[in-house]
Amino acid sequence: INTEEVKQGIELAHAAGKKVYLAFNLFAHDHEYVNMPRVSETIN
């Protein structure tokens, strides 16, 4: 599933009165925190 499909899924779920939780359960290495601004944009 890609970002746009997750977006559609969340909108459909919210329209039906359901909640959606986004898994962000990786164990991050230091170098991966460089990508966090992009991750933050995706979450927003």
PDB file of all heavy atoms in Angstrom:
ATOM      1  N   ILE A   1       0.842  -1.183   0.000  1.00  0.00           N
ATOM      2  CA  ILE A   1       0.000   0.000   0.000  1.00  0.00           C
ATOM      3  C   ILE A   1       0.885   1.244   0.000  1.00  0.00           C
ATOM      4  O   ILE A   1       1.945   1.267   0.620  1.00  0.00           O
ATOM      5  CB  ILE A   1      -0.939  -0.020   1.234  1.00  0.00           C
ATOM      6  CG1 ILE A   1      -2.076   0.985   1.077  1.00  0.00           C
ATOM      7  CG2 ILE A   1      -0.175   0.179   2.531  1.00  0.00           C
ATOM      8  CD1 ILE A   1      -3.192   0.780   2.093  1.00  0.00           C
ATOM      9  N   ASN A   2       0.469   2.262  -0.748  1.00  0.00           N
ATOM     10  CA  ASN A   2       1.257   3.486  -0.798  1.00  0.00           C
ATOM     11  C   ASN A   2       0.570   4.602  -0.027  1.00  0.00           C
ATOM     12  O   ASN A   2      -0.537   4.431   0.510  1.00  0.00           O
ATOM     13  CB  ASN A   2       1.527   3.899  -2.249  1.00  0.00           C
ATOM     14  CG  ASN A   2       0.250   4.139  -3.044  1.00  0.00           C
ATOM     15  OD1 ASN A   2      -0.728   4.694  -2.534  1.00  0.00           O
ATOM     16  ND2 ASN A   2       0.250   3.744  -4.304  1.00  0.00           N
ATOM     17  N   THR A   3       1.199   5.746   0.010  1.00  0.00           N
ATOM     18  CA  THR A   3       0.690   6.853   0.833  1.00  0.00           C
ATOM     19  C   THR A   3      -0.700   7.290   0.401  1.00  0.00           C
ATOM     20  O   THR A   3      -1.577   7.518   1.249  1.00  0.00           O
ATOM     21  CB  THR A   3       1.667   8.044   0.762  1.00  0.00           C
ATOM     22  OG1 THR A   3       2.955   7.620   1.216  1.00  0.00           O
ATOM     23  CG2 THR A   3       1.183   9.188   1.642  1.00  0.00           C
ATOM     24  N   GLU A   4      -0.926   7.404  -0.897  1.00  0.00           N
ATOM     25  CA  GLU A   4      -2.228   7.866  -1.373  1.00  0.00           C
ATOM     26  C   GLU A   4      -3.327   6.862  -1.042  1.00  0.00           C
ATOM     27  O   GLU A   4      -4.458   7.237  -0.718  1.00  0.00           O
ATOM     28  CB  GLU A   4      -2.190   8.134  -2.884  1.00  0.00           C
ATOM     29  CG  GLU A   4      -1.393   9.369  -3.262  1.00  0.00           C
ATOM     30  CD  GLU A   4      -1.875  10.617  -2.523  1.00  0.00           C
ATOM     31  OE1 GLU A   4      -3.104  10.830  -2.439  1.00  0.00           O
ATOM     32  OE2 GLU A   4      -1.023  11.361  -2.006  1.00  0.00           O
ATOM     33  N   GLU A   5      -2.999   5.582  -1.102  1.00  0.00           N
ATOM     34  CA  GLU A   5      -3.995   4.561  -0.757  1.00  0.00           C
ATOM     35  C   GLU A   5      -4.297   4.571   0.734  1.00  0.00           C
ATOM     36  O   GLU A   5      -5.450   4.388   1.145  1.00  0.00           O
ATOM     37  CB  GLU A   5      -3.494   3.191  -1.216  1.00  0.00           C
ATOM     38  CG  GLU A   5      -3.507   3.034  -2.724  1.00  0.00           C
ATOM     39  CD  GLU A   5      -2.798   1.770  -3.185  1.00  0.00           C
ATOM     40  OE1 GLU A   5      -1.858   1.317  -2.486  1.00  0.00           O
ATOM     41  OE2 GLU A   5      -3.167   1.251  -4.253  1.00  0.00           O
ATOM     42  N   VAL A   6      -3.262   4.770   1.562  1.00  0.00           N
ATOM     43  CA  VAL A   6      -3.508   4.906   2.997  1.00  0.00           C
ATOM     44  C   VAL A   6      -4.383   6.122   3.266  1.00  0.00           C
ATOM     45  O   VAL A   6      -5.309   6.079   4.090  1.00  0.00           O
ATOM     46  CB  VAL A   6      -2.188   5.000   3.785  1.00  0.00           C
ATOM     47  CG1 VAL A   6      -2.456   5.339   5.253  1.00  0.00           C
ATOM     48  CG2 VAL A   6      -1.415   3.683   3.703  1.00  0.00           C
ATOM     49  N   LYS A   7      -4.121   7.210   2.565  1.00  0.00           N
ATOM     50  CA  LYS A   7      -4.940   8.416   2.709  1.00  0.00           C
ATOM     51  C   LYS A   7      -6.398   8.114   2.373  1.00  0.00           C
ATOM     52  O   LYS A   7      -7.312   8.498   3.116  1.00  0.00           O
ATOM     53  CB  LYS A   7      -4.395   9.513   1.792  1.00  0.00           C
ATOM     54  CG  LYS A   7      -5.181  10.820   1.808  1.00  0.00           C
ATOM     55  CD  LYS A   7      -5.014  11.558   3.124  1.00  0.00           C
ATOM     56  CE  LYS A   7      -5.605  12.955   3.039  1.00  0.00           C
ATOM     57  NZ  LYS A   7      -5.520  13.663   4.348  1.00  0.00           N
ATOM     58  N   GLN A   8      -6.633   7.426   1.264  1.00  0.00           N
ATOM     59  CA  GLN A   8      -8.002   7.056   0.890  1.00  0.00           C
ATOM     60  C   GLN A   8      -8.628   6.153   1.950  1.00  0.00           C
ATOM     61  O   GLN A   8      -9.807   6.320   2.302  1.00  0.00           O
ATOM     62  CB  GLN A   8      -8.000   6.336  -0.452  1.00  0.00           C
ATOM     63  CG  GLN A   8      -7.659   7.192  -1.645  1.00  0.00           C
ATOM     64  CD  GLN A   8      -7.706   6.385  -2.938  1.00  0.00           C
ATOM     65  OE1 GLN A   8      -8.705   5.747  -3.254  1.00  0.00           O
ATOM     66  NE2 GLN A   8      -6.598   6.393  -3.665  1.00  0.00           N
ATOM     67  N   GLY A   9      -7.837   5.194   2.445  1.00  0.00           N
ATOM     68  CA  GLY A   9      -8.348   4.281   3.465  1.00  0.00           C
ATOM     69  C   GLY A   9      -8.744   5.012   4.730  1.00  0.00           C
ATOM     70  O   GLY A   9      -9.785   4.721   5.332  1.00  0.00           O
ATOM     71  N   ILE A  10      -7.921   5.966   5.155  1.00  0.00           N
ATOM     72  CA  ILE A  10      -8.223   6.743   6.358  1.00  0.00           C
ATOM     73  C   ILE A  10      -9.497   7.564   6.154  1.00  0.00           C
ATOM     74  O   ILE A  10     -10.365   7.628   7.042  1.00  0.00           O
ATOM     75  CB  ILE A  10      -7.039   7.651   6.728  1.00  0.00           C
ATOM     76  CG1 ILE A  10      -5.868   6.798   7.231  1.00  0.00           C
ATOM     77  CG2 ILE A  10      -7.433   8.673   7.796  1.00  0.00           C
ATOM     78  CD1 ILE A  10      -4.597   7.569   7.507  1.00  0.00           C
ATOM     79  N   GLU A  11      -9.638   8.172   4.986  1.00  0.00           N
ATOM     80  CA  GLU A  11     -10.838   8.968   4.719  1.00  0.00           C
ATOM     81  C   GLU A  11     -12.087   8.099   4.704  1.00  0.00           C
ATOM     82  O   GLU A  11     -13.135   8.494   5.243  1.00  0.00           O
ATOM     83  CB  GLU A  11     -10.673   9.715   3.390  1.00  0.00           C
ATOM     84  CG  GLU A  11      -9.623  10.825   3.453  1.00  0.00           C
ATOM     85  CD  GLU A  11      -9.342  11.464   2.099  1.00  0.00           C
ATOM     86  OE1 GLU A  11      -9.793  10.895   1.069  1.00  0.00           O
ATOM     87  OE2 GLU A  11      -8.666  12.508   2.069  1.00  0.00           O
ATOM     88  N   LEU A  12     -11.998   6.917   4.098  1.00  0.00           N
ATOM     89  CA  LEU A  12     -13.138   5.997   4.096  1.00  0.00           C
ATOM     90  C   LEU A  12     -13.482   5.541   5.510  1.00  0.00           C
ATOM     91  O   LEU A  12     -14.658   5.468   5.889  1.00  0.00           O
ATOM     92  CB  LEU A  12     -12.820   4.782   3.222  1.00  0.00           C
ATOM     93  CG  LEU A  12     -12.781   5.009   1.713  1.00  0.00           C
ATOM     94  CD1 LEU A  12     -12.198   3.783   1.012  1.00  0.00           C
ATOM     95  CD2 LEU A  12     -14.185   5.298   1.179  1.00  0.00           C
ATOM     96  N   ALA A  13     -12.450   5.222   6.292  1.00  0.00           N
ATOM     97  CA  ALA A  13     -12.678   4.771   7.665  1.00  0.00           C
ATOM     98  C   ALA A  13     -13.308   5.877   8.500  1.00  0.00           C
ATOM     99  O   ALA A  13     -14.277   5.638   9.240  1.00  0.00           O
ATOM    100  CB  ALA A  13     -11.354   4.323   8.284  1.00  0.00           C
ATOM    101  N   HIS A  14     -12.799   7.077   8.395  1.00  0.00           N
ATOM    102  CA  HIS A  14     -13.355   8.189   9.165  1.00  0.00           C
ATOM    103  C   HIS A  14     -14.794   8.480   8.762  1.00  0.00           C
ATOM    104  O   HIS A  14     -15.642   8.796   9.615  1.00  0.00           O
ATOM    105  CB  HIS A  14     -12.481   9.433   8.989  1.00  0.00           C
ATOM    106  CG  HIS A  14     -11.188   9.359   9.733  1.00  0.00           C
ATOM    107  ND1 HIS A  14     -10.172  10.281   9.594  1.00  0.00           N
ATOM    108  CD2 HIS A  14     -10.734   8.455  10.651  1.00  0.00           C
ATOM    109  CE1 HIS A  14      -9.164   9.962  10.382  1.00  0.00           C
ATOM    110  NE2 HIS A  14      -9.474   8.863  11.031  1.00  0.00           N
ATOM    111  N   ALA A  15     -15.088   8.360   7.476  1.00  0.00           N
ATOM    112  CA  ALA A  15     -16.464   8.575   7.016  1.00  0.00           C
ATOM    113  C   ALA A  15     -17.418   7.534   7.596  1.00  0.00           C
ATOM    114  O   ALA A  15     -18.609   7.798   7.793  1.00  0.00           O
ATOM    115  CB  ALA A  15     -16.517   8.538   5.488  1.00  0.00           C
ATOM    116  N   ALA A  16     -16.866   6.333   7.886  1.00  0.00           N
ATOM    117  CA  ALA A  16     -17.681   5.260   8.467  1.00  0.00           C
ATOM    118  C   ALA A  16     -17.631   5.256   9.989  1.00  0.00           C
ATOM    119  O   ALA A  16     -18.164   4.342  10.627  1.00  0.00           O
ATOM    120  CB  ALA A  16     -17.196   3.911   7.934  1.00  0.00           C
ATOM    121  N   GLY A  17     -16.982   6.253  10.581  1.00  0.00           N
ATOM    122  CA  GLY A  17     -16.888   6.327  12.033  1.00  0.00           C
ATOM    123  C   GLY A  17     -15.850   5.410  12.636  1.00  0.00           C
ATOM    124  O   GLY A  17     -15.906   5.092  13.836  1.00  0.00           O
ATOM    125  N   LYS A  18     -14.875   4.986  11.841  1.00  0.00           N
ATOM    126  CA  LYS A  18     -13.810   4.098  12.316  1.00  0.00           C
ATOM    127  C   LYS A  18     -12.523   4.890  12.526  1.00  0.00           C
ATOM    128  O   LYS A  18     -12.326   5.955  11.945  1.00  0.00           O
ATOM    129  CB  LYS A  18     -13.551   2.989  11.289  1.00  0.00           C
ATOM    130  CG  LYS A  18     -14.792   2.359  10.692  1.00  0.00           C
ATOM    131  CD  LYS A  18     -15.577   1.548  11.688  1.00  0.00           C
ATOM    132  CE  LYS A  18     -16.738   0.836  11.001  1.00  0.00           C
ATOM    133  NZ  LYS A  18     -17.520   0.015  11.948  1.00  0.00           N
ATOM    134  N   LYS A  19     -11.618   4.327  13.321  1.00  0.00           N
ATOM    135  CA  LYS A  19     -10.318   4.940  13.540  1.00  0.00           C
ATOM    136  C   LYS A  19      -9.240   4.198  12.746  1.00  0.00           C
ATOM    137  O   LYS A  19      -9.409   3.022  12.396  1.00  0.00           O
ATOM    138  CB  LYS A  19      -9.969   4.921  15.034  1.00  0.00           C
ATOM    139  CG  LYS A  19     -10.868   5.809  15.886  1.00  0.00           C
ATOM    140  CD  LYS A  19     -10.420   5.800  17.339  1.00  0.00           C
ATOM    141  CE  LYS A  19     -11.281   6.745  18.176  1.00  0.00           C
ATOM    142  NZ  LYS A  19     -10.836   6.763  19.591  1.00  0.00           N
ATOM    143  N   VAL A  20      -8.141   4.903  12.497  1.00  0.00           N
ATOM    144  CA  VAL A  20      -7.013   4.292  11.799  1.00  0.00           C
ATOM    145  C   VAL A  20      -5.727   4.633  12.552  1.00  0.00           C
ATOM    146  O   VAL A  20      -5.471   5.801  12.863  1.00  0.00           O
ATOM    147  CB  VAL A  20      -6.894   4.787  10.342  1.00  0.00           C
ATOM    148  CG1 VAL A  20      -5.666   4.173   9.674  1.00  0.00           C
ATOM    149  CG2 VAL A  20      -8.157   4.429   9.554  1.00  0.00           C
ATOM    150  N   TYR A  21      -4.936   3.605  12.842  1.00  0.00           N
ATOM    151  CA  TYR A  21      -3.659   3.769  13.523  1.00  0.00           C
ATOM    152  C   TYR A  21      -2.542   3.459  12.535  1.00  0.00           C
ATOM    153  O   TYR A  21      -2.593   2.445  11.819  1.00  0.00           O
ATOM    154  CB  TYR A  21      -3.564   2.842  14.731  1.00  0.00           C
ATOM    155  CG  TYR A  21      -4.767   2.913  15.633  1.00  0.00           C
ATOM    156  CD1 TYR A  21      -5.359   1.758  16.150  1.00  0.00           C
ATOM    157  CD2 TYR A  21      -5.356   4.141  15.962  1.00  0.00           C
ATOM    158  CE1 TYR A  21      -6.461   1.817  16.975  1.00  0.00           C
ATOM    159  CE2 TYR A  21      -6.466   4.211  16.783  1.00  0.00           C
ATOM    160  CZ  TYR A  21      -7.028   3.049  17.283  1.00  0.00           C
ATOM    161  OH  TYR A  21      -8.138   3.120  18.084  1.00  0.00           O
ATOM    162  N   LEU A  22      -1.543   4.309  12.497  1.00  0.00           N
ATOM    163  CA  LEU A  22      -0.436   4.155  11.557  1.00  0.00           C
ATOM    164  C   LEU A  22       0.760   3.533  12.260  1.00  0.00           C
ATOM    165  O   LEU A  22       1.257   4.061  13.259  1.00  0.00           O
ATOM    166  CB  LEU A  22      -0.054   5.514  10.978  1.00  0.00           C
ATOM    167  CG  LEU A  22       0.911   5.503   9.786  1.00  0.00           C
ATOM    168  CD1 LEU A  22       0.275   4.803   8.590  1.00  0.00           C
ATOM    169  CD2 LEU A  22       1.305   6.925   9.424  1.00  0.00           C
ATOM    170  N   ALA A  23       1.189   2.382  11.757  1.00  0.00           N
ATOM    171  CA  ALA A  23       2.343   1.696  12.348  1.00  0.00           C
ATOM    172  C   ALA A  23       3.625   2.446  12.019  1.00  0.00           C
ATOM    173  O   ALA A  23       3.942   2.691  10.855  1.00  0.00           O
ATOM    174  CB  ALA A  23       2.420   0.268  11.827  1.00  0.00           C
ATOM    175  N   PHE A  24       4.334   2.808  13.060  1.00  0.00           N
ATOM    176  CA  PHE A  24       5.609   3.532  12.953  1.00  0.00           C
ATOM    177  C   PHE A  24       6.587   2.845  13.892  1.00  0.00           C
ATOM    178  O   PHE A  24       7.297   3.468  14.655  1.00  0.00           O
ATOM    179  CB  PHE A  24       5.380   4.993  13.343  1.00  0.00           C
ATOM    180  CG  PHE A  24       6.517   5.923  13.072  1.00  0.00           C
ATOM    181  CD1 PHE A  24       7.479   5.649  12.109  1.00  0.00           C
ATOM    182  CD2 PHE A  24       6.635   7.104  13.786  1.00  0.00           C
ATOM    183  CE1 PHE A  24       8.523   6.508  11.863  1.00  0.00           C
ATOM    184  CE2 PHE A  24       7.673   7.984  13.559  1.00  0.00           C
ATOM    185  CZ  PHE A  24       8.628   7.681  12.591  1.00  0.00           C
ATOM    186  N   ASN A  25       6.569   1.486  13.835  1.00  0.00           N
ATOM    187  CA  ASN A  25       7.226   0.688  14.868  1.00  0.00           C
ATOM    188  C   ASN A  25       8.575   0.106  14.466  1.00  0.00           C
ATOM    189  O   ASN A  25       8.998  -0.927  14.960  1.00  0.00           O
ATOM    190  CB  ASN A  25       6.302  -0.430  15.350  1.00  0.00           C
ATOM    191  CG  ASN A  25       5.857  -1.355  14.221  1.00  0.00           C
ATOM    192  OD1 ASN A  25       6.029  -1.050  13.048  1.00  0.00           O
ATOM    193  ND2 ASN A  25       5.268  -2.480  14.582  1.00  0.00           N
ATOM    194  N   LEU A  26       9.263   0.802  13.560  1.00  0.00           N
ATOM    195  CA  LEU A  26      10.634   0.401  13.266  1.00  0.00           C
ATOM    196  C   LEU A  26      11.556   0.769  14.436  1.00  0.00           C
ATOM    197  O   LEU A  26      11.240   1.649  15.235  1.00  0.00           O
ATOM    198  CB  LEU A  26      11.136   1.084  12.002  1.00  0.00           C
ATOM    199  CG  LEU A  26      11.602   2.545  12.079  1.00  0.00           C
ATOM    200  CD1 LEU A  26      12.341   2.922  10.822  1.00  0.00           C
ATOM    201  CD2 LEU A  26      10.465   3.495  12.364  1.00  0.00           C
ATOM    202  N   PHE A  27      12.690   0.062  14.521  1.00  0.00           N
ATOM    203  CA  PHE A  27      13.746   0.456  15.454  1.00  0.00           C
ATOM    204  C   PHE A  27      14.761   1.256  14.639  1.00  0.00           C
ATOM    205  O   PHE A  27      15.475   0.709  13.796  1.00  0.00           O
ATOM    206  CB  PHE A  27      14.384  -0.775  16.103  1.00  0.00           C
ATOM    207  CG  PHE A  27      13.479  -1.426  17.099  1.00  0.00           C
ATOM    208  CD1 PHE A  27      12.632  -2.451  16.713  1.00  0.00           C
ATOM    209  CD2 PHE A  27      13.442  -1.001  18.415  1.00  0.00           C
ATOM    210  CE1 PHE A  27      11.780  -3.053  17.625  1.00  0.00           C
ATOM    211  CE2 PHE A  27      12.589  -1.594  19.334  1.00  0.00           C
ATOM    212  CZ  PHE A  27      11.750  -2.617  18.932  1.00  0.00           C
ATOM    213  N   ALA A  28      14.814   2.557  14.872  1.00  0.00           N
ATOM    214  CA  ALA A  28      15.551   3.464  13.996  1.00  0.00           C
ATOM    215  C   ALA A  28      17.025   3.558  14.362  1.00  0.00           C
ATOM    216  O   ALA A  28      17.381   3.609  15.542  1.00  0.00           O
ATOM    217  CB  ALA A  28      14.912   4.849  14.047  1.00  0.00           C
ATOM    218  N   HIS A  29      17.862   3.606  13.334  1.00  0.00           N
ATOM    219  CA  HIS A  29      19.285   3.914  13.493  1.00  0.00           C
ATOM    220  C   HIS A  29      19.461   5.429  13.373  1.00  0.00           C
ATOM    221  O   HIS A  29      18.593   6.139  12.850  1.00  0.00           O
ATOM    222  CB  HIS A  29      20.103   3.198  12.417  1.00  0.00           C
ATOM    223  CG  HIS A  29      20.089   1.710  12.547  1.00  0.00           C
ATOM    224  ND1 HIS A  29      21.173   0.986  12.998  1.00  0.00           N
ATOM    225  CD2 HIS A  29      19.122   0.789  12.304  1.00  0.00           C
ATOM    226  CE1 HIS A  29      20.884  -0.298  13.019  1.00  0.00           C
ATOM    227  NE2 HIS A  29      19.635  -0.448  12.592  1.00  0.00           N
ATOM    228  N   ASP A  30      20.583   5.921  13.831  1.00  0.00           N
ATOM    229  CA  ASP A  30      20.818   7.366  13.812  1.00  0.00           C
ATOM    230  C   ASP A  30      20.657   7.966  12.418  1.00  0.00           C
ATOM    231  O   ASP A  30      20.066   9.043  12.257  1.00  0.00           O
ATOM    232  CB  ASP A  30      22.218   7.687  14.349  1.00  0.00           C
ATOM    233  CG  ASP A  30      22.260   7.732  15.867  1.00  0.00           C
ATOM    234  OD1 ASP A  30      21.242   8.107  16.479  1.00  0.00           O
ATOM    235  OD2 ASP A  30      23.311   7.394  16.441  1.00  0.00           O
ATOM    236  N   HIS A  31      21.173   7.272  11.413  1.00  0.00           N
ATOM    237  CA  HIS A  31      21.121   7.840  10.065  1.00  0.00           C
ATOM    238  C   HIS A  31      19.693   7.989   9.547  1.00  0.00           C
ATOM    239  O   HIS A  31      19.436   8.769   8.632  1.00  0.00           O
ATOM    240  CB  HIS A  31      21.960   6.997   9.095  1.00  0.00           C
ATOM    241  CG  HIS A  31      21.413   5.617   8.843  1.00  0.00           C
ATOM    242  ND1 HIS A  31      20.442   5.356   7.910  1.00  0.00           N
ATOM    243  CD2 HIS A  31      21.721   4.428   9.428  1.00  0.00           C
ATOM    244  CE1 HIS A  31      20.166   4.058   7.908  1.00  0.00           C
ATOM    245  NE2 HIS A  31      20.924   3.474   8.825  1.00  0.00           N
ATOM    246  N   GLU A  32      18.761   7.243  10.141  1.00  0.00           N
ATOM    247  CA  GLU A  32      17.376   7.310   9.663  1.00  0.00           C
ATOM    248  C   GLU A  32      16.644   8.555  10.167  1.00  0.00           C
ATOM    249  O   GLU A  32      15.605   8.930   9.601  1.00  0.00           O
ATOM    250  CB  GLU A  32      16.628   6.034  10.067  1.00  0.00           C
ATOM    251  CG  GLU A  32      17.143   4.828   9.301  1.00  0.00           C
ATOM    252  CD  GLU A  32      16.528   3.524   9.765  1.00  0.00           C
ATOM    253  OE1 GLU A  32      16.687   3.173  10.955  1.00  0.00           O
ATOM    254  OE2 GLU A  32      15.882   2.853   8.939  1.00  0.00           O
ATOM    255  N   TYR A  33      17.158   9.164  11.199  1.00  0.00           N
ATOM    256  CA  TYR A  33      16.511  10.383  11.694  1.00  0.00           C
ATOM    257  C   TYR A  33      16.651  11.538  10.702  1.00  0.00           C
ATOM    258  O   TYR A  33      15.916  12.516  10.777  1.00  0.00           O
ATOM    259  CB  TYR A  33      17.067  10.767  13.065  1.00  0.00           C
ATOM    260  CG  TYR A  33      16.487   9.935  14.182  1.00  0.00           C
ATOM    261  CD1 TYR A  33      17.033   8.690  14.507  1.00  0.00           C
ATOM    262  CD2 TYR A  33      15.376  10.370  14.901  1.00  0.00           C
ATOM    263  CE1 TYR A  33      16.502   7.911  15.520  1.00  0.00           C
ATOM    264  CE2 TYR A  33      14.842   9.598  15.925  1.00  0.00           C
ATOM    265  CZ  TYR A  33      15.406   8.369  16.223  1.00  0.00           C
ATOM    266  OH  TYR A  33      14.861   7.596  17.225  1.00  0.00           O
ATOM    267  N   VAL A  34      17.564  11.403   9.756  1.00  0.00           N
ATOM    268  CA  VAL A  34      17.706  12.422   8.711  1.00  0.00           C
ATOM    269  C   VAL A  34      16.416  12.518   7.889  1.00  0.00           C
ATOM    270  O   VAL A  34      16.070  13.584   7.374  1.00  0.00           O
ATOM    271  CB  VAL A  34      18.905  12.082   7.795  1.00  0.00           C
ATOM    272  CG1 VAL A  34      18.992  13.067   6.631  1.00  0.00           C
ATOM    273  CG2 VAL A  34      20.202  12.078   8.598  1.00  0.00           C
ATOM    274  N   ASN A  35      15.701  11.388   7.783  1.00  0.00           N
ATOM    275  CA  ASN A  35      14.472  11.354   6.972  1.00  0.00           C
ATOM    276  C   ASN A  35      13.234  11.807   7.741  1.00  0.00           C
ATOM    277  O   ASN A  35      12.146  11.843   7.176  1.00  0.00           O
ATOM    278  CB  ASN A  35      14.237   9.934   6.453  1.00  0.00           C
ATOM    279  CG  ASN A  35      15.340   9.453   5.546  1.00  0.00           C
ATOM    280  OD1 ASN A  35      15.852  10.219   4.730  1.00  0.00           O
ATOM    281  ND2 ASN A  35      15.718   8.186   5.669  1.00  0.00           N
ATOM    282  N   MET A  36      13.377  12.148   9.011  1.00  0.00           N
ATOM    283  CA  MET A  36      12.208  12.457   9.821  1.00  0.00           C
ATOM    284  C   MET A  36      11.397  13.668   9.348  1.00  0.00           C
ATOM    285  O   MET A  36      10.177  13.673   9.495  1.00  0.00           O
ATOM    286  CB  MET A  36      12.622  12.623  11.285  1.00  0.00           C
ATOM    287  CG  MET A  36      12.999  11.317  11.954  1.00  0.00           C
ATOM    288  SD  MET A  36      11.701  10.061  11.823  1.00  0.00           S
ATOM    289  CE  MET A  36      12.486   8.691  12.651  1.00  0.00           C
ATOM    290  N   PRO A  37      12.001  14.698   8.769  1.00  0.00           N
ATOM    291  CA  PRO A  37      11.159  15.786   8.247  1.00  0.00           C
ATOM    292  C   PRO A  37      10.158  15.292   7.191  1.00  0.00           C
ATOM    293  O   PRO A  37       8.995  15.724   7.178  1.00  0.00           O
ATOM    294  CB  PRO A  37      12.183  16.757   7.657  1.00  0.00           C
ATOM    295  CG  PRO A  37      13.407  16.549   8.480  1.00  0.00           C
ATOM    296  CD  PRO A  37      13.440  15.070   8.731  1.00  0.00           C
ATOM    297  N   ARG A  38      10.609  14.374   6.325  1.00  0.00           N
ATOM    298  CA  ARG A  38       9.690  13.805   5.332  1.00  0.00           C
ATOM    299  C   ARG A  38       8.618  12.958   6.009  1.00  0.00           C
ATOM    300  O   ARG A  38       7.438  13.007   5.637  1.00  0.00           O
ATOM    301  CB  ARG A  38      10.477  12.949   4.341  1.00  0.00           C
ATOM    302  CG  ARG A  38       9.607  12.264   3.287  1.00  0.00           C
ATOM    303  CD  ARG A  38      10.439  11.345   2.416  1.00  0.00           C
ATOM    304  NE  ARG A  38      11.120  10.315   3.175  1.00  0.00           N
ATOM    305  CZ  ARG A  38      10.532   9.172   3.566  1.00  0.00           C
ATOM    306  NH1 ARG A  38       9.255   8.950   3.292  1.00  0.00           N
ATOM    307  NH2 ARG A  38      11.204   8.284   4.256  1.00  0.00           N
ATOM    308  N   VAL A  39       9.013  12.177   7.017  1.00  0.00           N
ATOM    309  CA  VAL A  39       8.049  11.373   7.771  1.00  0.00           C
ATOM    310  C   VAL A  39       7.006  12.275   8.429  1.00  0.00           C
ATOM    311  O   VAL A  39       5.813  11.989   8.415  1.00  0.00           O
ATOM    312  CB  VAL A  39       8.780  10.525   8.835  1.00  0.00           C
ATOM    313  CG1 VAL A  39       7.783   9.867   9.777  1.00  0.00           C
ATOM    314  CG2 VAL A  39       9.654   9.462   8.166  1.00  0.00           C
ATOM    315  N   SER A  40       7.463  13.381   8.980  1.00  0.00           N
ATOM    316  CA  SER A  40       6.557  14.312   9.647  1.00  0.00           C
ATOM    317  C   SER A  40       5.531  14.875   8.669  1.00  0.00           C
ATOM    318  O   SER A  40       4.341  14.999   8.990  1.00  0.00           O
ATOM    319  CB  SER A  40       7.365  15.449  10.283  1.00  0.00           C
ATOM    320  OG  SER A  40       6.568  16.209  11.145  1.00  0.00           O
ATOM    321  N   GLU A  41       5.979  15.191   7.461  1.00  0.00           N
ATOM    322  CA  GLU A  41       5.060  15.680   6.435  1.00  0.00           C
ATOM    323  C   GLU A  41       4.008  14.630   6.098  1.00  0.00           C
ATOM    324  O   GLU A  41       2.822  14.948   5.921  1.00  0.00           O
ATOM    325  CB  GLU A  41       5.835  16.055   5.169  1.00  0.00           C
ATOM    326  CG  GLU A  41       6.718  17.286   5.314  1.00  0.00           C
ATOM    327  CD  GLU A  41       7.533  17.547   4.065  1.00  0.00           C
ATOM    328  OE1 GLU A  41       7.371  16.788   3.083  1.00  0.00           O
ATOM    329  OE2 GLU A  41       8.341  18.501   4.067  1.00  0.00           O
ATOM    330  N   THR A  42       4.437  13.383   6.021  1.00  0.00           N
ATOM    331  CA  THR A  42       3.508  12.290   5.723  1.00  0.00           C
ATOM    332  C   THR A  42       2.470  12.133   6.826  1.00  0.00           C
ATOM    333  O   THR A  42       1.277  11.951   6.558  1.00  0.00           O
ATOM    334  CB  THR A  42       4.279  10.969   5.530  1.00  0.00           C
ATOM    335  OG1 THR A  42       5.231  11.124   4.480  1.00  0.00           O
ATOM    336  CG2 THR A  42       3.329   9.835   5.176  1.00  0.00           C
ATOM    337  N   ILE A  43       2.911  12.192   8.065  1.00  0.00           N
ATOM    338  CA  ILE A  43       1.981  12.091   9.192  1.00  0.00           C
ATOM    339  C   ILE A  43       0.958  13.223   9.153  1.00  0.00           C
ATOM    340  O   ILE A  43      -0.245  13.002   9.325  1.00  0.00           O
ATOM    341  CB  ILE A  43       2.754  12.096  10.527  1.00  0.00           C
ATOM    342  CG1 ILE A  43       3.586  10.814  10.662  1.00  0.00           C
ATOM    343  CG2 ILE A  43       1.801  12.235  11.714  1.00  0.00           C
ATOM    344  CD1 ILE A  43       4.547  10.824  11.830  1.00  0.00           C
ATOM    345  N   ASN A  44       1.416  14.425   8.906  1.00  0.00           N
ATOM    346  CA  ASN A  44       0.497  15.570   8.828  1.00  0.00           C
ATOM    347  C   ASN A  44      -0.484  15.421   7.676  1.00  0.00           C
ATOM    348  O   ASN A  44      -1.641  15.832   7.758  1.00  0.00           O
ATOM    349  CB  ASN A  44       1.290  16.873   8.669  1.00  0.00           C
ATOM    350  CG  ASN A  44       1.998  17.277   9.945  1.00  0.00           C
ATOM    351  OD1 ASN A  44       1.556  16.956  11.045  1.00  0.00           O
ATOM    352  ND2 ASN A  44       3.122  17.974   9.808  1.00  0.00           N
TER     353      ASN A  44
END
